[in-house]
N, C-alpha and C. Protein backbone atom coordinates (compact mmCIF):
# COMPACT_ATOMS: atom_id res chain seq x y z
N LEU A 1 119.56 137.03 76.94
CA LEU A 1 120.94 136.31 77.69
C LEU A 1 121.96 136.99 78.16
N LEU A 2 122.89 136.41 76.27
CA LEU A 2 124.10 137.52 76.62
C LEU A 2 123.41 138.40 75.20
N LEU A 3 124.71 139.80 75.70
CA LEU A 3 124.46 140.39 75.13
C LEU A 3 125.89 140.44 73.73
N ASP A 4 125.45 140.06 72.63
CA ASP A 4 126.33 138.93 71.46
C ASP A 4 127.18 139.97 70.40
N SER A 5 127.63 139.75 69.52
CA SER A 5 127.83 140.90 68.38
C SER A 5 127.79 140.45 67.80
N ASN A 6 128.32 138.75 67.96
CA ASN A 6 128.47 137.71 66.27
C ASN A 6 126.72 136.62 66.81
N PRO A 7 125.64 137.02 65.55
CA PRO A 7 124.81 136.86 65.74
C PRO A 7 124.69 135.05 65.97
N GLN A 8 125.33 134.90 65.07
CA GLN A 8 125.32 133.15 64.94
C GLN A 8 125.75 133.27 66.84
N ARG A 9 127.33 133.07 67.89
CA ARG A 9 126.85 132.60 68.91
C ARG A 9 125.68 132.69 69.34
N ALA A 10 125.54 134.00 68.69
CA ALA A 10 124.00 134.24 70.52
C ALA A 10 122.78 133.19 69.90
N SER A 11 122.67 133.56 68.28
CA SER A 11 121.50 131.94 68.44
C SER A 11 122.39 131.31 68.85
N PHE A 12 122.65 130.74 68.53
CA PHE A 12 123.32 129.09 70.27
C PHE A 12 122.85 129.11 71.15
N PHE A 13 123.52 130.42 71.99
CA PHE A 13 122.45 130.25 73.30
C PHE A 13 120.97 130.39 73.55
N GLN A 14 120.90 131.18 71.87
CA GLN A 14 119.15 131.36 72.14
C GLN A 14 118.09 130.63 71.56
N ASP A 15 119.00 129.44 70.95
CA ASP A 15 117.65 128.26 70.29
C ASP A 15 118.32 126.99 71.67
N MET A 16 119.94 126.74 71.96
CA MET A 16 119.85 125.48 72.66
C MET A 16 119.49 124.35 72.06
N ALA A 17 119.24 124.31 70.54
CA ALA A 17 118.19 122.76 70.44
C ALA A 17 119.45 121.79 70.35
N SER A 18 120.67 121.61 69.39
CA SER A 18 121.56 120.60 69.73
C SER A 18 122.90 120.77 70.33
N PRO A 19 122.93 119.19 70.53
CA PRO A 19 124.81 118.87 70.95
C PRO A 19 125.33 119.40 70.16
N GLU A 20 124.77 119.23 68.50
CA GLU A 20 126.47 119.31 67.43
C GLU A 20 126.78 121.24 67.88
N GLN A 21 125.46 121.71 67.32
CA GLN A 21 125.38 123.38 67.97
C GLN A 21 127.41 123.32 69.53
N PHE A 22 127.18 123.74 70.36
CA PHE A 22 127.47 123.14 71.36
C PHE A 22 128.99 122.77 71.33
N VAL A 23 128.89 121.66 70.54
CA VAL A 23 130.59 121.35 70.07
C VAL A 23 130.77 122.24 69.06
N LYS A 24 130.10 123.10 68.83
CA LYS A 24 130.74 123.28 67.77
C LYS A 24 131.55 125.13 68.50
N LEU A 25 130.76 125.68 69.12
CA LEU A 25 130.86 126.27 69.77
C LEU A 25 132.26 126.72 71.08
N ALA A 26 132.06 125.37 72.13
CA ALA A 26 133.34 125.04 72.00
C ALA A 26 134.14 124.89 71.58
N GLN A 27 134.39 124.47 70.92
CA GLN A 27 135.53 125.38 69.81
C GLN A 27 135.71 125.24 69.53
N SER A 28 135.27 127.11 68.48
CA SER A 28 135.18 128.60 68.71
C SER A 28 135.91 128.83 69.82
N LEU A 29 135.59 128.63 71.31
CA LEU A 29 136.13 129.22 71.87
C LEU A 29 138.20 128.76 72.44
N PRO A 30 138.50 129.43 72.78
CA PRO A 30 139.88 129.83 72.52
C PRO A 30 140.56 128.81 73.73
N PRO A 31 141.68 128.01 73.96
CA PRO A 31 141.59 126.84 74.68
C PRO A 31 141.94 127.23 76.66
N ARG A 32 142.12 129.01 76.71
CA ARG A 32 141.97 129.31 77.98
C ARG A 32 140.61 129.15 78.34
N LEU A 33 140.26 130.07 78.22
CA LEU A 33 138.30 130.12 78.00
C LEU A 33 137.93 128.28 78.25
N ILE A 34 138.45 128.15 77.39
CA ILE A 34 137.29 126.00 77.65
C ILE A 34 138.48 125.82 78.85
N ARG A 35 139.53 125.78 79.42
CA ARG A 35 140.22 124.44 80.79
C ARG A 35 139.61 126.12 81.96
N LEU A 36 139.02 127.40 81.99
CA LEU A 36 138.77 128.07 82.38
C LEU A 36 136.73 127.76 82.69
N PHE A 37 136.53 126.69 81.96
CA PHE A 37 135.48 126.41 81.74
C PHE A 37 135.35 124.64 82.30
N LYS A 38 136.02 123.78 82.17
CA LYS A 38 135.70 122.93 82.79
C LYS A 38 136.33 122.98 84.45
N ARG A 39 136.93 123.64 83.98
CA ARG A 39 137.00 123.45 86.31
C ARG A 39 136.56 124.58 86.37
N TYR A 40 136.11 125.54 86.93
CA TYR A 40 134.97 126.11 87.13
C TYR A 40 133.68 126.37 86.23
N PRO A 41 132.54 125.47 86.06
CA PRO A 41 131.00 126.07 85.61
C PRO A 41 130.75 127.53 85.29
N PRO A 42 130.24 127.54 84.64
CA PRO A 42 129.69 128.51 85.06
C PRO A 42 127.97 128.19 85.43
N THR A 43 127.39 129.23 86.52
CA THR A 43 126.37 128.92 87.53
C THR A 43 125.14 128.38 86.93
N ALA A 44 125.14 128.86 85.87
CA ALA A 44 123.63 128.20 86.28
C ALA A 44 123.03 127.31 85.92
N LEU A 45 125.05 126.65 84.91
CA LEU A 45 124.83 125.33 84.56
C LEU A 45 125.30 124.43 85.64
N ARG A 46 126.15 124.70 86.57
CA ARG A 46 126.08 123.82 88.16
C ARG A 46 124.38 123.40 87.82
N GLN A 47 123.01 124.56 88.58
CA GLN A 47 123.02 124.25 89.17
C GLN A 47 121.25 124.65 88.22
N SER A 48 121.57 123.49 87.14
CA SER A 48 120.62 123.19 86.64
C SER A 48 120.37 121.07 87.32
N PRO A 49 119.47 120.83 87.62
CA PRO A 49 118.88 119.60 87.89
C PRO A 49 119.15 118.52 87.67
N ASN A 50 118.68 118.37 86.15
CA ASN A 50 119.34 117.14 84.99
C ASN A 50 120.06 118.18 84.39
N PRO A 51 121.10 117.75 84.62
CA PRO A 51 122.29 118.59 83.27
C PRO A 51 121.96 118.06 82.31
N SER A 52 121.64 118.27 80.43
CA SER A 52 121.88 117.04 79.31
C SER A 52 123.18 117.46 78.92
N PRO A 53 124.15 116.90 77.55
CA PRO A 53 124.79 116.58 76.84
C PRO A 53 125.47 117.99 76.76
N ALA A 54 124.55 119.68 76.48
CA ALA A 54 124.53 120.42 75.48
C ALA A 54 125.32 121.31 77.05
N SER A 55 125.56 121.19 78.42
CA SER A 55 124.80 121.86 78.68
C SER A 55 126.13 121.43 79.55
N ARG A 56 126.67 120.38 79.53
CA ARG A 56 127.95 120.29 80.46
C ARG A 56 128.66 120.45 78.77
N LEU A 57 128.39 120.22 77.69
CA LEU A 57 129.45 121.27 76.78
C LEU A 57 129.20 122.56 76.69
N GLU A 58 129.39 123.01 77.67
CA GLU A 58 128.62 124.49 77.46
C GLU A 58 129.80 124.72 78.91
N ALA A 59 129.56 123.79 80.11
CA ALA A 59 130.44 123.94 80.84
C ALA A 59 131.44 123.79 80.75
N GLY A 60 132.27 123.27 79.71
CA GLY A 60 133.99 123.47 79.10
C GLY A 60 134.00 121.10 79.14
N ALA A 61 132.81 120.07 78.64
CA ALA A 61 133.13 119.01 78.13
C ALA A 61 133.52 119.18 76.59
N VAL A 62 135.19 119.93 76.11
CA VAL A 62 134.29 120.01 74.62
C VAL A 62 135.19 118.09 74.45
N LEU A 63 134.71 117.76 73.35
CA LEU A 63 134.72 117.03 73.01
C LEU A 63 135.18 116.96 71.58
N PRO A 64 135.54 115.27 70.93
CA PRO A 64 136.75 116.01 69.54
C PRO A 64 136.05 116.19 68.95
N ALA A 65 136.59 116.57 66.98
CA ALA A 65 136.03 116.43 66.81
C ALA A 65 136.45 115.30 65.98
N GLN A 66 135.11 114.85 65.38
CA GLN A 66 134.46 113.49 65.45
C GLN A 66 133.60 113.07 64.32
N PRO A 67 133.25 112.26 63.99
CA PRO A 67 131.10 112.05 63.73
C PRO A 67 130.55 112.58 64.58
N SER A 68 129.08 112.29 65.19
CA SER A 68 128.72 112.33 65.24
C SER A 68 128.19 111.46 66.45
N SER A 69 127.71 109.79 65.14
CA SER A 69 128.02 108.35 65.71
C SER A 69 129.38 108.06 66.57
N SER A 70 130.27 108.76 66.78
CA SER A 70 131.25 108.27 67.81
C SER A 70 131.05 109.04 68.89
N ILE A 71 129.97 110.42 68.32
CA ILE A 71 130.72 110.84 70.23
C ILE A 71 129.33 110.48 71.37
N LYS A 72 129.58 110.15 73.11
CA LYS A 72 128.79 109.65 73.77
C LYS A 72 128.74 111.28 74.92
N PRO A 73 127.81 111.50 75.31
CA PRO A 73 127.84 112.33 76.45
C PRO A 73 128.40 111.22 77.93
N ALA A 74 128.39 112.68 78.31
CA ALA A 74 129.54 112.10 79.65
C ALA A 74 128.38 112.01 80.84
N PRO A 75 128.81 111.22 81.37
CA PRO A 75 127.71 110.91 82.64
C PRO A 75 128.00 111.36 83.49
N PRO A 76 125.97 111.72 84.39
CA PRO A 76 126.31 113.68 84.62
C PRO A 76 127.08 113.52 85.61
N GLN A 77 127.57 114.54 86.72
CA GLN A 77 128.47 114.76 87.96
C GLN A 77 128.08 116.00 88.77
N GLU A 78 128.04 115.45 90.12
CA GLU A 78 127.03 116.29 90.73
C GLU A 78 127.92 117.69 90.62
N PRO A 79 126.89 118.33 91.45
CA PRO A 79 127.55 119.82 91.19
C PRO A 79 128.43 120.51 92.99
N THR A 80 129.29 120.74 92.28
CA THR A 80 130.08 121.12 93.33
C THR A 80 130.16 122.38 93.67
N ASP A 81 130.43 123.28 94.95
CA ASP A 81 130.05 124.53 95.56
C ASP A 81 131.25 124.92 95.32
N ARG A 82 131.66 125.38 93.75
CA ARG A 82 133.31 125.02 94.96
C ARG A 82 133.78 126.56 94.30
N PRO A 83 134.14 127.65 94.82
CA PRO A 83 134.36 129.01 95.43
C PRO A 83 135.15 130.15 93.89
N ASN A 84 134.82 131.13 94.17
CA ASN A 84 135.12 131.74 92.69
C ASN A 84 136.80 131.59 92.36
N PRO A 85 136.95 131.66 91.70
CA PRO A 85 138.26 131.83 91.67
C PRO A 85 139.28 133.05 91.65
N PHE A 86 137.97 133.61 90.76
CA PHE A 86 138.83 135.31 90.53
C PHE A 86 138.14 135.98 92.53
N GLN A 87 138.23 135.81 93.15
CA GLN A 87 138.05 136.01 94.68
C GLN A 87 139.65 135.47 95.63
N PRO A 88 139.73 136.71 97.47
CA PRO A 88 140.23 135.45 97.90
C PRO A 88 139.36 134.82 98.10
N GLN A 89 139.75 134.17 99.36
CA GLN A 89 139.25 132.79 100.24
C GLN A 89 139.85 132.51 101.70
N ARG A 90 138.98 132.53 102.77
CA ARG A 90 139.53 131.80 103.52
C ARG A 90 139.23 130.63 104.45
N HIS A 91 140.41 130.03 105.16
CA HIS A 91 141.25 128.73 104.89
C HIS A 91 138.94 129.00 105.96
N PRO A 92 138.62 127.14 105.17
CA PRO A 92 137.95 127.49 106.63
C PRO A 92 138.00 126.82 107.54
N VAL A 93 139.20 126.06 108.34
CA VAL A 93 139.47 125.56 109.12
C VAL A 93 140.86 126.59 109.66
N THR A 94 141.50 127.19 109.24
CA THR A 94 142.90 127.94 110.02
C THR A 94 142.58 129.98 109.40
N GLY A 95 141.61 129.50 109.12
CA GLY A 95 140.73 131.92 108.75
C GLY A 95 141.93 132.20 107.89
N ARG A 96 143.10 130.96 107.38
CA ARG A 96 144.06 131.97 107.26
C ARG A 96 143.19 133.02 105.47
N TRP A 97 142.73 133.72 104.82
CA TRP A 97 143.40 134.38 103.38
C TRP A 97 144.47 133.36 102.25
N HIS A 98 143.38 132.73 101.50
CA HIS A 98 144.18 133.04 100.34
C HIS A 98 144.06 133.98 98.34
N ASP A 99 145.79 134.08 98.42
CA ASP A 99 145.30 134.72 97.02
C ASP A 99 143.72 134.01 96.55
N PRO A 100 143.03 134.67 94.62
CA PRO A 100 143.21 134.37 93.92
C PRO A 100 142.82 133.21 93.34
N VAL A 101 142.60 132.01 92.98
CA VAL A 101 143.82 131.03 92.27
C VAL A 101 144.31 132.44 90.13
N TYR A 102 143.67 133.05 90.04
CA TYR A 102 143.50 133.76 88.97
C TYR A 102 144.16 135.21 89.76
N SER A 103 144.71 136.12 89.13
CA SER A 103 145.23 137.74 88.96
C SER A 103 144.66 138.44 88.95
N LEU A 104 144.71 139.55 89.22
CA LEU A 104 143.93 140.77 88.37
C LEU A 104 143.96 140.57 86.37
N ARG A 105 145.12 140.17 86.43
CA ARG A 105 146.18 140.30 85.43
C ARG A 105 145.58 139.45 83.87
N ARG A 106 145.32 138.04 85.26
CA ARG A 106 144.66 136.97 84.37
C ARG A 106 142.99 137.23 83.99
N GLN A 107 142.69 137.56 85.16
CA GLN A 107 141.37 138.21 85.05
C GLN A 107 141.19 139.25 83.74
N ALA A 108 141.75 139.90 83.62
CA ALA A 108 141.64 140.96 82.55
C ALA A 108 141.35 140.32 81.47
N ASP A 109 142.84 139.92 81.57
CA ASP A 109 142.68 138.55 79.73
C ASP A 109 141.90 137.70 79.75
N LEU A 110 141.13 136.77 80.33
CA LEU A 110 140.00 136.46 80.13
C LEU A 110 138.80 136.63 80.16
N VAL A 111 138.58 138.00 81.14
CA VAL A 111 137.67 138.87 80.30
C VAL A 111 137.17 139.36 79.07
N LYS A 112 138.73 139.99 78.63
CA LYS A 112 138.53 140.64 77.29
C LYS A 112 138.62 138.84 76.40
N LEU A 113 139.12 138.24 76.48
CA LEU A 113 138.80 136.67 75.82
C LEU A 113 137.12 136.87 75.86
N ALA A 114 137.04 136.88 77.02
CA ALA A 114 135.58 136.15 76.41
C ALA A 114 134.31 137.53 76.29
N ARG A 115 134.78 138.64 76.18
CA ARG A 115 133.65 139.65 75.89
C ARG A 115 133.99 139.10 74.33
N GLN A 116 134.74 139.24 73.32
CA GLN A 116 135.76 139.38 72.35
C GLN A 116 134.72 137.69 71.49
N HIS A 117 133.95 136.73 72.39
CA HIS A 117 134.15 135.36 72.34
C HIS A 117 131.91 135.70 72.64
N GLY A 118 131.27 136.85 73.41
CA GLY A 118 130.49 137.00 73.55
C GLY A 118 129.63 135.77 74.29
N VAL A 119 131.31 135.14 75.55
CA VAL A 119 130.81 134.20 76.85
C VAL A 119 131.29 135.24 78.62
N GLU A 120 131.15 136.06 77.98
CA GLU A 120 131.05 136.78 79.61
C GLU A 120 130.48 137.09 80.70
N GLU A 121 128.99 137.16 80.25
CA GLU A 121 128.11 136.77 81.45
C GLU A 121 128.24 135.47 82.13
N LEU A 122 129.33 134.90 81.52
CA LEU A 122 128.74 133.20 81.88
C LEU A 122 130.54 133.08 82.97
N LEU A 123 131.08 133.86 82.76
CA LEU A 123 132.68 134.08 83.87
C LEU A 123 132.21 133.99 86.02
N PRO A 124 132.74 133.37 86.16
CA PRO A 124 131.92 134.63 87.53
C PRO A 124 132.38 135.90 88.15
N PHE A 125 131.83 135.76 89.25
CA PHE A 125 132.28 137.08 89.47
C PHE A 125 133.64 137.34 89.17
N THR A 126 133.71 139.67 88.78
CA THR A 126 135.13 139.39 88.79
C THR A 126 135.42 141.71 89.18
N VAL A 127 136.18 141.54 89.63
CA VAL A 127 136.37 143.23 89.84
C VAL A 127 136.45 143.70 88.01
N LYS A 128 136.44 142.86 87.33
CA LYS A 128 137.46 142.92 86.18
C LYS A 128 136.34 143.09 85.54
N GLY A 129 135.12 142.21 85.14
CA GLY A 129 133.84 143.12 84.52
C GLY A 129 133.48 143.77 83.73
N THR A 130 133.08 143.97 82.82
CA THR A 130 132.73 144.80 82.00
C THR A 130 131.96 145.80 83.58
N ALA A 131 130.50 145.00 84.04
CA ALA A 131 129.06 144.74 84.17
C ALA A 131 129.54 146.42 85.65
N GLU A 132 130.95 145.53 86.31
CA GLU A 132 130.91 145.98 87.80
C GLU A 132 131.86 146.98 87.44
N LYS A 133 132.92 147.23 85.89
CA LYS A 133 133.85 147.90 85.89
C LYS A 133 132.45 149.57 85.76
N ARG A 134 131.16 149.06 84.19
CA ARG A 134 130.53 150.52 84.61
C ARG A 134 129.88 150.78 86.03
N ARG A 135 129.63 149.79 87.00
CA ARG A 135 128.90 150.20 88.43
C ARG A 135 129.82 150.83 88.48
N ARG A 136 131.21 150.77 88.91
CA ARG A 136 131.80 151.35 89.46
C ARG A 136 132.07 153.28 89.67
N ARG A 137 132.01 153.08 88.02
CA ARG A 137 132.65 154.13 87.00
C ARG A 137 131.20 154.89 87.36
N GLU A 138 130.48 155.01 87.62
CA GLU A 138 129.12 155.63 87.85
C GLU A 138 128.83 156.38 89.80
N GLU A 139 129.17 154.51 90.23
CA GLU A 139 129.21 154.99 92.01
C GLU A 139 131.24 156.34 91.86
N GLN A 140 131.83 156.01 91.89
CA GLN A 140 132.63 157.00 92.10
C GLN A 140 133.26 157.91 90.73
N GLY A 141 132.99 157.99 90.10
CA GLY A 141 133.27 158.85 88.77
C GLY A 141 134.62 158.57 88.35
N LEU A 142 135.62 159.72 87.09
CA LEU A 142 136.38 159.76 86.77
C LEU A 142 137.95 159.17 87.93
N ARG A 143 137.61 158.88 88.86
CA ARG A 143 138.56 158.76 90.40
C ARG A 143 138.29 160.61 89.81
N ILE A 144 138.13 161.61 90.14
CA ILE A 144 138.21 162.70 90.22
C ILE A 144 137.69 163.15 90.76
N LYS A 145 137.70 163.76 92.37
CA LYS A 145 137.02 163.63 93.69
C LYS A 145 136.39 164.64 93.03
N GLY A 146 134.69 164.67 93.25
CA GLY A 146 133.92 165.52 93.01
C GLY A 146 132.73 164.43 91.63
N THR A 147 133.56 163.22 90.73
CA THR A 147 132.38 163.43 90.05
C THR A 147 131.87 162.07 89.63
N GLY A 148 131.85 161.60 90.76
CA GLY A 148 130.74 161.15 91.38
C GLY A 148 129.23 160.88 91.58
N VAL A 149 129.03 159.90 92.36
CA VAL A 149 127.64 160.84 91.93
C VAL A 149 127.16 160.46 92.64
N GLY A 150 126.62 162.20 93.24
CA GLY A 150 126.00 162.71 94.67
C GLY A 150 127.80 163.65 95.53
N GLN A 151 128.28 163.59 93.83
CA GLN A 151 129.27 164.34 95.13
C GLN A 151 129.67 165.31 94.46
N LYS A 152 130.64 166.61 94.40
CA LYS A 152 130.53 167.52 93.80
C LYS A 152 131.88 167.99 94.29
N VAL A 153 133.19 168.65 93.19
CA VAL A 153 133.87 169.33 92.53
C VAL A 153 133.81 169.99 93.54
N LYS A 154 135.38 170.36 94.51
CA LYS A 154 135.94 171.40 95.85
C LYS A 154 136.43 172.91 95.24
N GLY A 155 136.69 173.06 94.56
CA GLY A 155 136.65 174.30 93.94
C GLY A 155 137.81 175.61 94.74
N HIS A 156 138.00 176.36 93.92
CA HIS A 156 138.40 177.76 94.91
C HIS A 156 137.92 178.55 95.45
N ILE A 157 138.68 178.71 96.80
CA ILE A 157 137.85 179.80 97.36
C ILE A 157 136.68 180.95 97.26
N TRP A 158 136.84 181.83 95.77
CA TRP A 158 136.34 182.68 95.25
C TRP A 158 135.25 182.00 94.81
N GLU A 159 135.65 180.82 93.93
CA GLU A 159 134.04 179.72 93.66
C GLU A 159 133.64 179.28 95.25
N ARG A 160 134.03 178.91 95.97
CA ARG A 160 133.19 178.69 96.88
C ARG A 160 132.43 179.11 97.44
N THR A 161 132.38 180.54 97.36
CA THR A 161 131.91 181.73 98.75
C THR A 161 130.46 182.78 97.76
N LEU A 162 130.71 182.75 96.39
CA LEU A 162 130.47 183.72 94.91
C LEU A 162 129.28 183.59 95.46
N LYS A 163 128.31 182.29 95.97
CA LYS A 163 126.96 182.54 96.26
C LYS A 163 126.99 183.23 97.18
N ALA A 164 127.36 183.68 98.58
CA ALA A 164 127.03 183.59 99.26
C ALA A 164 127.60 184.61 99.05
N LYS A 165 128.53 185.49 98.28
CA LYS A 165 128.68 186.89 98.45
C LYS A 165 128.14 187.80 97.40
N LEU A 166 127.36 186.95 95.86
CA LEU A 166 126.30 187.73 95.60
C LEU A 166 124.82 188.10 96.30
N GLU A 167 124.48 186.50 97.89
CA GLU A 167 123.59 187.40 97.58
C GLU A 167 123.70 188.20 98.41
N LYS A 168 124.54 188.71 98.89
CA LYS A 168 124.99 189.12 100.60
C LYS A 168 124.80 190.52 99.65
N ARG A 169 125.33 191.41 98.96
CA ARG A 169 125.43 192.34 97.21
C ARG A 169 124.02 192.75 97.70
N ARG A 170 123.20 191.33 96.40
CA ARG A 170 121.22 191.47 96.51
C ARG A 170 121.19 192.28 97.45
N GLN A 171 121.51 191.38 98.74
CA GLN A 171 120.79 192.33 99.91
C GLN A 171 120.64 193.59 100.30
N ALA A 172 122.28 193.89 100.19
CA ALA A 172 123.28 195.06 100.88
C ALA A 172 122.01 196.35 99.47
N MET A 173 121.85 196.11 98.55
CA MET A 173 121.49 197.05 97.55
C MET A 173 119.56 196.87 97.70
N LEU A 174 118.60 196.28 98.41
CA LEU A 174 117.59 196.48 98.45
C LEU A 174 117.43 197.29 99.31
N SER A 175 117.85 196.81 100.44
CA SER A 175 118.26 197.79 101.91
C SER A 175 118.75 199.34 102.20
N MET A 176 119.81 199.84 100.27
CA MET A 176 120.25 200.61 100.32
C MET A 176 119.22 201.96 100.54
N PRO A 177 118.14 202.04 99.94
CA PRO A 177 116.89 203.54 100.87
C PRO A 177 117.31 203.68 101.37
N GLN A 178 117.66 202.37 102.60
CA GLN A 178 116.33 202.48 103.57
C GLN A 178 117.36 202.90 104.62
N LEU A 179 119.25 202.92 104.11
CA LEU A 179 120.38 203.50 104.59
C LEU A 179 120.76 204.41 104.22
N VAL A 180 120.39 205.20 102.59
CA VAL A 180 121.13 206.36 103.54
C VAL A 180 119.47 207.26 103.65
N GLN A 181 118.84 206.70 103.62
CA GLN A 181 117.35 208.03 104.61
C GLN A 181 117.57 207.38 106.71
N THR A 182 118.46 207.40 106.88
CA THR A 182 119.11 207.53 108.09
C THR A 182 120.08 207.56 107.93
N TRP A 183 120.61 207.82 107.24
CA TRP A 183 122.26 208.43 107.44
C TRP A 183 121.86 210.07 107.09
N LYS A 184 120.99 210.08 106.46
CA LYS A 184 120.59 212.01 106.39
C LYS A 184 120.31 212.05 107.49
N GLU A 185 119.22 211.41 108.50
CA GLU A 185 118.50 211.51 109.42
C GLU A 185 119.54 212.21 110.28
N ARG A 186 120.69 210.80 110.40
CA ARG A 186 121.88 211.86 111.47
C ARG A 186 122.95 212.29 111.05
N GLY A 187 123.03 212.94 110.51
CA GLY A 187 123.39 214.05 110.84
C GLY A 187 124.96 213.35 109.68
N HIS A 188 124.23 212.56 108.52
CA HIS A 188 125.57 212.55 107.40
C HIS A 188 127.23 212.22 108.91
N GLY A 189 126.21 210.84 109.30
CA GLY A 189 127.74 210.63 109.87
C GLY A 189 128.33 210.77 111.86
N ARG A 190 126.81 212.01 112.14
CA ARG A 190 127.73 212.48 113.71
C ARG A 190 126.65 210.67 114.05
N GLY A 191 126.80 210.48 115.62
CA GLY A 191 126.16 209.55 115.49
C GLY A 191 125.54 208.12 114.86
N TRP A 192 126.56 207.67 114.32
CA TRP A 192 126.96 206.99 113.36
C TRP A 192 127.54 205.34 114.10
N LYS A 193 126.75 204.18 113.98
CA LYS A 193 127.26 203.30 114.52
C LYS A 193 128.63 202.40 113.65
N LYS A 194 127.39 201.77 112.74
CA LYS A 194 127.50 201.15 111.61
C LYS A 194 127.77 201.52 110.90
N TRP A 195 128.89 201.94 109.60
CA TRP A 195 129.58 202.14 109.14
C TRP A 195 130.34 200.99 108.37
N PRO A 196 129.90 201.19 107.20
CA PRO A 196 129.48 200.52 105.75
C PRO A 196 130.50 200.01 105.44
N LYS A 197 130.47 198.80 104.92
CA LYS A 197 131.81 198.58 104.13
C LYS A 197 132.42 198.10 103.32
């Protein structure tokens, strides 16, 4: 599910065994990520038909650090179809565009934080995400004209015409014996119409 360098945190997601592990994971996340996941729970957790306390906790319901006997799971909430906070939204009534909730700079900061803590794949889609940046780099190249997939560098004019020029030279050398023979037959230039360049 997640590509995480921290094996302990990766095991939390793989096991999904107990709510205590999710409490530890949620407490290890920085407050900015916790607030983001509270306000915009990950889609995988919102779409689960019967959310467990562990998934609610992972979605951002951080419980205080108390003994496990006093922890009470929150009542299940209906999943709401919230728009992506990282993308501009069109107002359904007026048709006007609204800016994203998080600016591009704040999106980049959140992606860096999530990458450090191994939860980047839980974030909503953003152009600042690692996967999207990698896809754009492969598609567009290094932002130098001609370095993308299916593109070529323009080059100098002598570089662009070199291949055709060399092919023309090769054909001329192959037809040179016939040219010399014709030259001799026509009296060394008398009646010659096509002078070689």
